[in-house]
């Protein structure tokens, strides 16, 4: 399983940032399909001066990608005794552990309009 997370902390005192996010969400009514978002709308890796929300993501968002490996262990046993009537019991015990096998994050914005993908080794293990 791979989990991608993009987090954008918007300054509540910054009216320009608030307006950009409101516009992106369709709050001003100037979008043909409010709420219908292409996956590319959440790409923080490339600068796009023609897309205010995309540029805000590029400048301020954090982006991580983590691959998880799930290991499960199940123990189960049961018995049934029939002596004129049936009596039985069943017991199940399960445990599951997830570990991160790969992780990456976007580096700081560069002057060429890109953010490099960096290994996030602190998360793996």
N, C-alpha and C. Protein backbone atom coordinates (compact mmCIF):
# COMPACT_ATOMS: atom_id res chain seq x y z
N UNK A 1 0.85 -1.16 0.00
CA UNK A 1 0.00 0.00 0.00
C UNK A 1 0.90 1.23 0.00
N UNK A 2 0.58 2.20 -0.82
CA UNK A 2 1.33 3.46 -0.88
C UNK A 2 0.42 4.59 -0.44
N UNK A 3 0.91 5.41 0.47
CA UNK A 3 0.16 6.56 0.96
C UNK A 3 0.91 7.82 0.55
N UNK A 4 0.22 8.69 -0.22
CA UNK A 4 0.77 9.98 -0.60
C UNK A 4 0.06 11.04 0.21
N UNK A 5 0.82 11.96 0.77
CA UNK A 5 0.23 13.01 1.59
C UNK A 5 0.79 14.36 1.18
N UNK A 6 -0.10 15.29 0.91
CA UNK A 6 0.29 16.67 0.62
C UNK A 6 -0.39 17.53 1.68
N UNK A 7 0.40 18.33 2.37
CA UNK A 7 -0.13 19.19 3.42
C UNK A 7 0.20 20.63 3.08
N UNK A 8 -0.83 21.46 3.12
CA UNK A 8 -0.65 22.89 2.84
C UNK A 8 -1.16 23.67 4.04
N UNK A 9 -0.25 24.31 4.73
CA UNK A 9 -0.63 25.16 5.86
C UNK A 9 -0.86 26.57 5.31
N UNK A 10 -2.11 27.02 5.36
CA UNK A 10 -2.47 28.33 4.84
C UNK A 10 -2.51 29.31 5.99
N UNK A 11 -1.84 30.42 5.83
CA UNK A 11 -1.79 31.45 6.86
C UNK A 11 -3.16 32.11 6.98
N UNK A 12 -3.81 32.00 8.13
CA UNK A 12 -5.15 32.59 8.27
C UNK A 12 -5.14 34.12 8.21
N UNK A 13 -3.98 34.73 8.33
CA UNK A 13 -3.87 36.19 8.26
C UNK A 13 -3.56 36.67 6.85
N UNK A 14 -3.33 35.75 5.91
CA UNK A 14 -2.94 36.11 4.55
C UNK A 14 -4.16 36.01 3.63
N UNK A 15 -4.76 37.16 3.33
CA UNK A 15 -5.98 37.19 2.50
C UNK A 15 -5.73 36.66 1.10
N UNK A 16 -4.53 36.87 0.55
CA UNK A 16 -4.23 36.37 -0.79
C UNK A 16 -4.25 34.84 -0.82
N UNK A 17 -3.59 34.20 0.16
CA UNK A 17 -3.60 32.74 0.24
C UNK A 17 -5.02 32.22 0.44
N UNK A 18 -5.77 32.86 1.31
CA UNK A 18 -7.15 32.45 1.56
C UNK A 18 -7.98 32.53 0.27
N UNK A 19 -7.78 33.61 -0.51
CA UNK A 19 -8.51 33.78 -1.77
C UNK A 19 -8.14 32.72 -2.80
N UNK A 20 -6.86 32.37 -2.87
CA UNK A 20 -6.41 31.35 -3.82
C UNK A 20 -7.06 30.01 -3.51
N UNK A 21 -7.09 29.64 -2.24
CA UNK A 21 -7.69 28.36 -1.84
C UNK A 21 -9.20 28.40 -2.08
N UNK A 22 -9.85 29.49 -1.74
CA UNK A 22 -11.30 29.62 -1.97
C UNK A 22 -11.62 29.50 -3.44
N UNK A 23 -10.86 30.17 -4.29
CA UNK A 23 -11.07 30.06 -5.74
C UNK A 23 -10.89 28.63 -6.21
N UNK A 24 -9.83 27.96 -5.73
CA UNK A 24 -9.54 26.59 -6.15
C UNK A 24 -10.68 25.65 -5.77
N UNK A 25 -11.29 25.88 -4.62
CA UNK A 25 -12.40 25.05 -4.17
C UNK A 25 -13.71 25.40 -4.87
N UNK A 26 -13.70 26.44 -5.72
CA UNK A 26 -14.90 26.82 -6.44
C UNK A 26 -15.80 27.74 -5.65
N UNK A 27 -15.29 28.30 -4.56
CA UNK A 27 -16.10 29.13 -3.68
C UNK A 27 -16.59 30.42 -4.26
N UNK A 28 -15.95 30.92 -5.31
CA UNK A 28 -16.39 32.18 -5.90
C UNK A 28 -17.29 31.96 -7.11
N UNK A 29 -17.53 30.70 -7.46
CA UNK A 29 -18.43 30.39 -8.56
C UNK A 29 -17.83 30.56 -9.94
N UNK A 30 -16.51 30.75 -10.05
CA UNK A 30 -15.90 30.96 -11.36
C UNK A 30 -15.31 29.68 -11.94
N UNK A 31 -15.73 28.51 -11.45
CA UNK A 31 -15.26 27.24 -11.98
C UNK A 31 -16.42 26.54 -12.69
N UNK A 32 -16.14 25.95 -13.85
CA UNK A 32 -17.18 25.24 -14.58
C UNK A 32 -17.71 24.05 -13.80
N UNK A 33 -16.81 23.32 -13.13
CA UNK A 33 -17.18 22.13 -12.38
C UNK A 33 -16.60 22.21 -10.97
N UNK A 34 -17.16 23.00 -10.06
CA UNK A 34 -16.60 23.08 -8.71
C UNK A 34 -16.53 21.71 -8.05
N UNK A 35 -15.41 21.43 -7.44
CA UNK A 35 -15.24 20.18 -6.74
C UNK A 35 -14.69 19.05 -7.59
N UNK A 36 -14.74 19.18 -8.92
CA UNK A 36 -14.19 18.15 -9.81
C UNK A 36 -12.73 18.51 -10.08
N UNK A 37 -11.82 17.75 -9.49
CA UNK A 37 -10.41 18.10 -9.55
C UNK A 37 -9.60 17.02 -10.24
N UNK A 38 -8.80 17.39 -11.23
CA UNK A 38 -7.90 16.40 -11.82
C UNK A 38 -6.77 16.08 -10.84
N UNK A 39 -6.21 14.87 -10.93
CA UNK A 39 -5.12 14.49 -10.04
C UNK A 39 -3.93 15.44 -10.18
N UNK A 40 -3.72 15.99 -11.36
CA UNK A 40 -2.60 16.91 -11.55
C UNK A 40 -2.77 18.19 -10.73
N UNK A 41 -3.98 18.45 -10.25
CA UNK A 41 -4.21 19.64 -9.44
C UNK A 41 -3.51 19.56 -8.09
N UNK A 42 -3.05 18.38 -7.72
CA UNK A 42 -2.39 18.20 -6.44
C UNK A 42 -0.91 17.86 -6.60
N UNK A 43 -0.28 18.42 -7.60
CA UNK A 43 1.14 18.16 -7.86
C UNK A 43 1.96 19.34 -7.35
N UNK A 44 2.68 19.10 -6.27
CA UNK A 44 3.50 20.17 -5.68
C UNK A 44 4.93 20.16 -6.22
N UNK A 45 5.23 19.29 -7.18
CA UNK A 45 6.61 19.14 -7.64
C UNK A 45 7.02 20.14 -8.72
N UNK A 46 6.07 20.80 -9.37
CA UNK A 46 6.39 21.72 -10.45
C UNK A 46 5.76 23.09 -10.19
N UNK A 47 6.53 24.14 -10.44
CA UNK A 47 6.01 25.50 -10.34
C UNK A 47 5.16 25.79 -11.57
N UNK A 48 4.06 26.52 -11.38
CA UNK A 48 3.21 26.93 -12.50
C UNK A 48 2.66 28.32 -12.20
N UNK A 49 3.34 29.36 -12.67
CA UNK A 49 2.88 30.73 -12.40
C UNK A 49 1.48 31.02 -12.94
N UNK A 50 1.01 30.22 -13.91
CA UNK A 50 -0.33 30.43 -14.46
C UNK A 50 -1.42 29.78 -13.62
N UNK A 51 -1.05 29.00 -12.62
CA UNK A 51 -2.01 28.33 -11.74
C UNK A 51 -1.71 28.76 -10.31
N UNK A 52 -2.46 29.73 -9.78
CA UNK A 52 -2.16 30.24 -8.44
C UNK A 52 -2.15 29.17 -7.35
N UNK A 53 -3.10 28.21 -7.40
CA UNK A 53 -3.13 27.18 -6.37
C UNK A 53 -1.94 26.24 -6.53
N UNK A 54 -1.62 25.85 -7.77
CA UNK A 54 -0.46 25.00 -8.02
C UNK A 54 0.83 25.67 -7.56
N UNK A 55 0.93 26.98 -7.78
CA UNK A 55 2.11 27.71 -7.34
C UNK A 55 2.18 27.76 -5.82
N UNK A 56 1.01 27.91 -5.17
CA UNK A 56 0.97 27.92 -3.70
C UNK A 56 1.42 26.56 -3.16
N UNK A 57 0.97 25.47 -3.79
CA UNK A 57 1.43 24.14 -3.39
C UNK A 57 2.95 24.02 -3.55
N UNK A 58 3.44 24.46 -4.69
CA UNK A 58 4.87 24.38 -4.96
C UNK A 58 5.67 25.16 -3.91
N UNK A 59 5.21 26.35 -3.58
CA UNK A 59 5.95 27.22 -2.66
C UNK A 59 5.85 26.79 -1.20
N UNK A 60 4.69 26.24 -0.78
CA UNK A 60 4.46 26.07 0.66
C UNK A 60 4.12 24.66 1.12
N UNK A 61 3.73 23.76 0.24
CA UNK A 61 3.23 22.45 0.68
C UNK A 61 4.38 21.49 1.00
N UNK A 62 4.09 20.57 1.90
CA UNK A 62 4.98 19.42 2.13
C UNK A 62 4.32 18.22 1.45
N UNK A 63 5.13 17.36 0.88
CA UNK A 63 4.62 16.20 0.16
C UNK A 63 5.47 14.99 0.48
N UNK A 64 4.82 13.92 0.95
CA UNK A 64 5.53 12.68 1.25
C UNK A 64 4.81 11.51 0.58
N UNK A 65 5.58 10.47 0.32
CA UNK A 65 5.04 9.23 -0.23
C UNK A 65 5.67 8.09 0.55
N UNK A 66 4.83 7.20 1.12
CA UNK A 66 5.33 6.09 1.93
C UNK A 66 4.69 4.78 1.49
N UNK A 67 5.52 3.77 1.25
CA UNK A 67 5.04 2.44 0.89
C UNK A 67 5.08 1.56 2.14
N UNK A 68 3.96 0.92 2.44
CA UNK A 68 3.84 0.08 3.62
C UNK A 68 3.81 -1.39 3.22
N UNK A 69 4.41 -2.22 4.05
CA UNK A 69 4.36 -3.66 3.89
C UNK A 69 3.64 -4.19 5.12
N UNK A 70 2.55 -4.93 4.90
CA UNK A 70 1.74 -5.42 6.01
C UNK A 70 2.07 -6.89 6.27
N UNK A 71 2.33 -7.21 7.52
CA UNK A 71 2.61 -8.58 7.93
C UNK A 71 1.52 -8.98 8.91
N UNK A 72 0.86 -10.10 8.63
CA UNK A 72 -0.20 -10.56 9.51
C UNK A 72 0.07 -11.94 10.04
N UNK A 73 -0.45 -12.23 11.21
CA UNK A 73 -0.31 -13.53 11.83
C UNK A 73 -1.66 -13.89 12.43
N UNK A 74 -2.21 -15.04 12.03
CA UNK A 74 -3.50 -15.47 12.54
C UNK A 74 -3.36 -16.88 13.10
N UNK A 75 -3.84 -17.06 14.31
CA UNK A 75 -3.89 -18.38 14.94
C UNK A 75 -5.35 -18.69 15.21
N UNK A 76 -5.78 -19.86 14.77
CA UNK A 76 -7.19 -20.21 14.95
C UNK A 76 -7.30 -21.70 15.26
N UNK A 77 -8.14 -22.03 16.19
CA UNK A 77 -8.46 -23.44 16.43
C UNK A 77 -9.89 -23.53 16.94
N UNK A 78 -10.44 -24.68 16.78
CA UNK A 78 -11.81 -24.89 17.22
C UNK A 78 -12.05 -26.36 17.47
N UNK A 79 -13.13 -26.68 18.18
CA UNK A 79 -13.50 -28.06 18.39
C UNK A 79 -15.02 -28.15 18.50
N UNK A 80 -15.52 -29.33 18.25
CA UNK A 80 -16.94 -29.57 18.30
C UNK A 80 -17.16 -30.97 18.87
N UNK A 81 -17.99 -31.08 19.87
CA UNK A 81 -18.30 -32.36 20.48
C UNK A 81 -19.80 -32.61 20.31
N UNK A 82 -20.13 -33.83 19.86
CA UNK A 82 -21.54 -34.14 19.66
C UNK A 82 -21.88 -35.39 20.47
N UNK A 83 -22.66 -35.20 21.51
CA UNK A 83 -23.16 -36.31 22.34
C UNK A 83 -24.66 -36.07 22.52
N UNK A 84 -25.42 -36.37 21.53
CA UNK A 84 -26.86 -36.11 21.59
C UNK A 84 -27.18 -34.67 21.23
N UNK A 85 -26.32 -33.78 21.62
CA UNK A 85 -26.42 -32.37 21.21
C UNK A 85 -25.01 -31.87 20.95
N UNK A 86 -24.90 -30.83 20.19
CA UNK A 86 -23.58 -30.36 19.79
C UNK A 86 -23.12 -29.22 20.69
N UNK A 87 -21.91 -29.30 21.14
CA UNK A 87 -21.24 -28.22 21.87
C UNK A 87 -19.97 -27.88 21.10
N UNK A 88 -19.66 -26.65 21.02
CA UNK A 88 -18.46 -26.29 20.28
C UNK A 88 -17.88 -24.98 20.75
N UNK A 89 -16.65 -24.76 20.35
CA UNK A 89 -15.97 -23.51 20.68
C UNK A 89 -15.02 -23.18 19.55
N UNK A 90 -14.76 -21.93 19.40
CA UNK A 90 -13.85 -21.47 18.36
C UNK A 90 -13.05 -20.32 18.95
N UNK A 91 -11.78 -20.29 18.66
CA UNK A 91 -10.89 -19.25 19.18
C UNK A 91 -10.03 -18.74 18.05
N UNK A 92 -9.96 -17.44 17.91
CA UNK A 92 -9.11 -16.81 16.88
C UNK A 92 -8.32 -15.69 17.52
N UNK A 93 -7.04 -15.64 17.20
CA UNK A 93 -6.18 -14.56 17.66
C UNK A 93 -5.42 -14.04 16.45
N UNK A 94 -5.43 -12.75 16.24
CA UNK A 94 -4.75 -12.18 15.07
C UNK A 94 -3.94 -10.97 15.49
N UNK A 95 -2.83 -10.80 14.81
CA UNK A 95 -2.03 -9.59 15.01
C UNK A 95 -1.55 -9.13 13.64
N UNK A 96 -1.35 -7.84 13.51
CA UNK A 96 -0.93 -7.29 12.24
C UNK A 96 0.06 -6.17 12.51
N UNK A 97 1.07 -6.09 11.68
CA UNK A 97 2.10 -5.07 11.83
C UNK A 97 2.39 -4.47 10.47
N UNK A 98 2.45 -3.16 10.40
CA UNK A 98 2.79 -2.48 9.16
C UNK A 98 4.15 -1.81 9.33
N UNK A 99 4.98 -1.95 8.33
CA UNK A 99 6.27 -1.27 8.33
C UNK A 99 6.41 -0.50 7.03
N UNK A 100 7.10 0.60 7.10
CA UNK A 100 7.35 1.40 5.90
C UNK A 100 8.57 0.83 5.20
N UNK A 101 8.40 0.47 3.93
CA UNK A 101 9.48 -0.12 3.16
C UNK A 101 10.19 0.89 2.26
N UNK A 102 9.48 1.92 1.84
CA UNK A 102 10.06 2.99 1.03
C UNK A 102 9.40 4.30 1.41
N UNK A 103 10.16 5.38 1.39
CA UNK A 103 9.59 6.69 1.67
C UNK A 103 10.36 7.76 0.93
N UNK A 104 9.62 8.78 0.48
CA UNK A 104 10.27 9.90 -0.20
C UNK A 104 9.52 11.18 0.15
N UNK A 105 10.16 12.30 -0.10
CA UNK A 105 9.54 13.60 0.12
C UNK A 105 10.04 14.56 -0.94
N UNK A 106 9.31 15.65 -1.12
CA UNK A 106 9.75 16.68 -2.05
C UNK A 106 10.70 17.62 -1.33
N UNK A 107 11.82 17.92 -1.96
CA UNK A 107 12.78 18.86 -1.40
C UNK A 107 12.27 20.29 -1.55
N UNK A 108 13.08 21.22 -1.14
CA UNK A 108 12.73 22.64 -1.21
C UNK A 108 12.65 23.10 -2.67
N UNK A 109 11.80 24.09 -2.93
CA UNK A 109 11.71 24.62 -4.29
C UNK A 109 13.06 25.14 -4.78
N UNK A 110 13.35 24.86 -6.06
CA UNK A 110 14.58 25.34 -6.69
C UNK A 110 14.26 26.51 -7.61
N UNK A 111 15.28 27.24 -7.96
CA UNK A 111 15.10 28.41 -8.83
C UNK A 111 14.66 28.01 -10.24
N UNK A 112 14.88 26.75 -10.65
CA UNK A 112 14.47 26.32 -11.99
C UNK A 112 13.02 25.87 -12.03
N UNK A 113 12.27 26.06 -10.93
CA UNK A 113 10.86 25.72 -10.91
C UNK A 113 10.56 24.27 -10.61
N UNK A 114 11.51 23.54 -10.03
CA UNK A 114 11.29 22.14 -9.68
C UNK A 114 11.55 21.91 -8.21
N UNK A 115 11.05 20.79 -7.71
CA UNK A 115 11.33 20.32 -6.36
C UNK A 115 11.78 18.87 -6.50
N UNK A 116 13.02 18.57 -6.14
CA UNK A 116 13.51 17.20 -6.31
C UNK A 116 12.87 16.22 -5.33
N UNK A 117 12.69 14.98 -5.78
CA UNK A 117 12.21 13.92 -4.90
C UNK A 117 13.42 13.38 -4.15
N UNK A 118 13.33 13.38 -2.82
CA UNK A 118 14.43 12.94 -1.97
C UNK A 118 14.03 11.68 -1.20
N UNK A 119 14.97 10.80 -0.93
CA UNK A 119 14.71 9.65 -0.08
C UNK A 119 14.44 10.13 1.34
N UNK A 120 13.45 9.55 1.99
CA UNK A 120 13.07 9.90 3.35
C UNK A 120 13.45 8.72 4.24
N UNK A 121 14.75 8.50 4.39
CA UNK A 121 15.27 7.31 5.08
C UNK A 121 14.91 7.25 6.55
N UNK A 122 14.64 8.40 7.18
CA UNK A 122 14.29 8.42 8.60
C UNK A 122 12.98 7.67 8.87
N UNK A 123 12.12 7.51 7.85
CA UNK A 123 10.84 6.84 8.02
C UNK A 123 10.90 5.35 7.77
N UNK A 124 11.92 4.87 7.10
CA UNK A 124 11.96 3.47 6.68
C UNK A 124 12.47 2.61 7.82
N UNK A 125 11.81 1.48 8.01
CA UNK A 125 12.32 0.57 9.02
C UNK A 125 11.32 -0.10 9.80
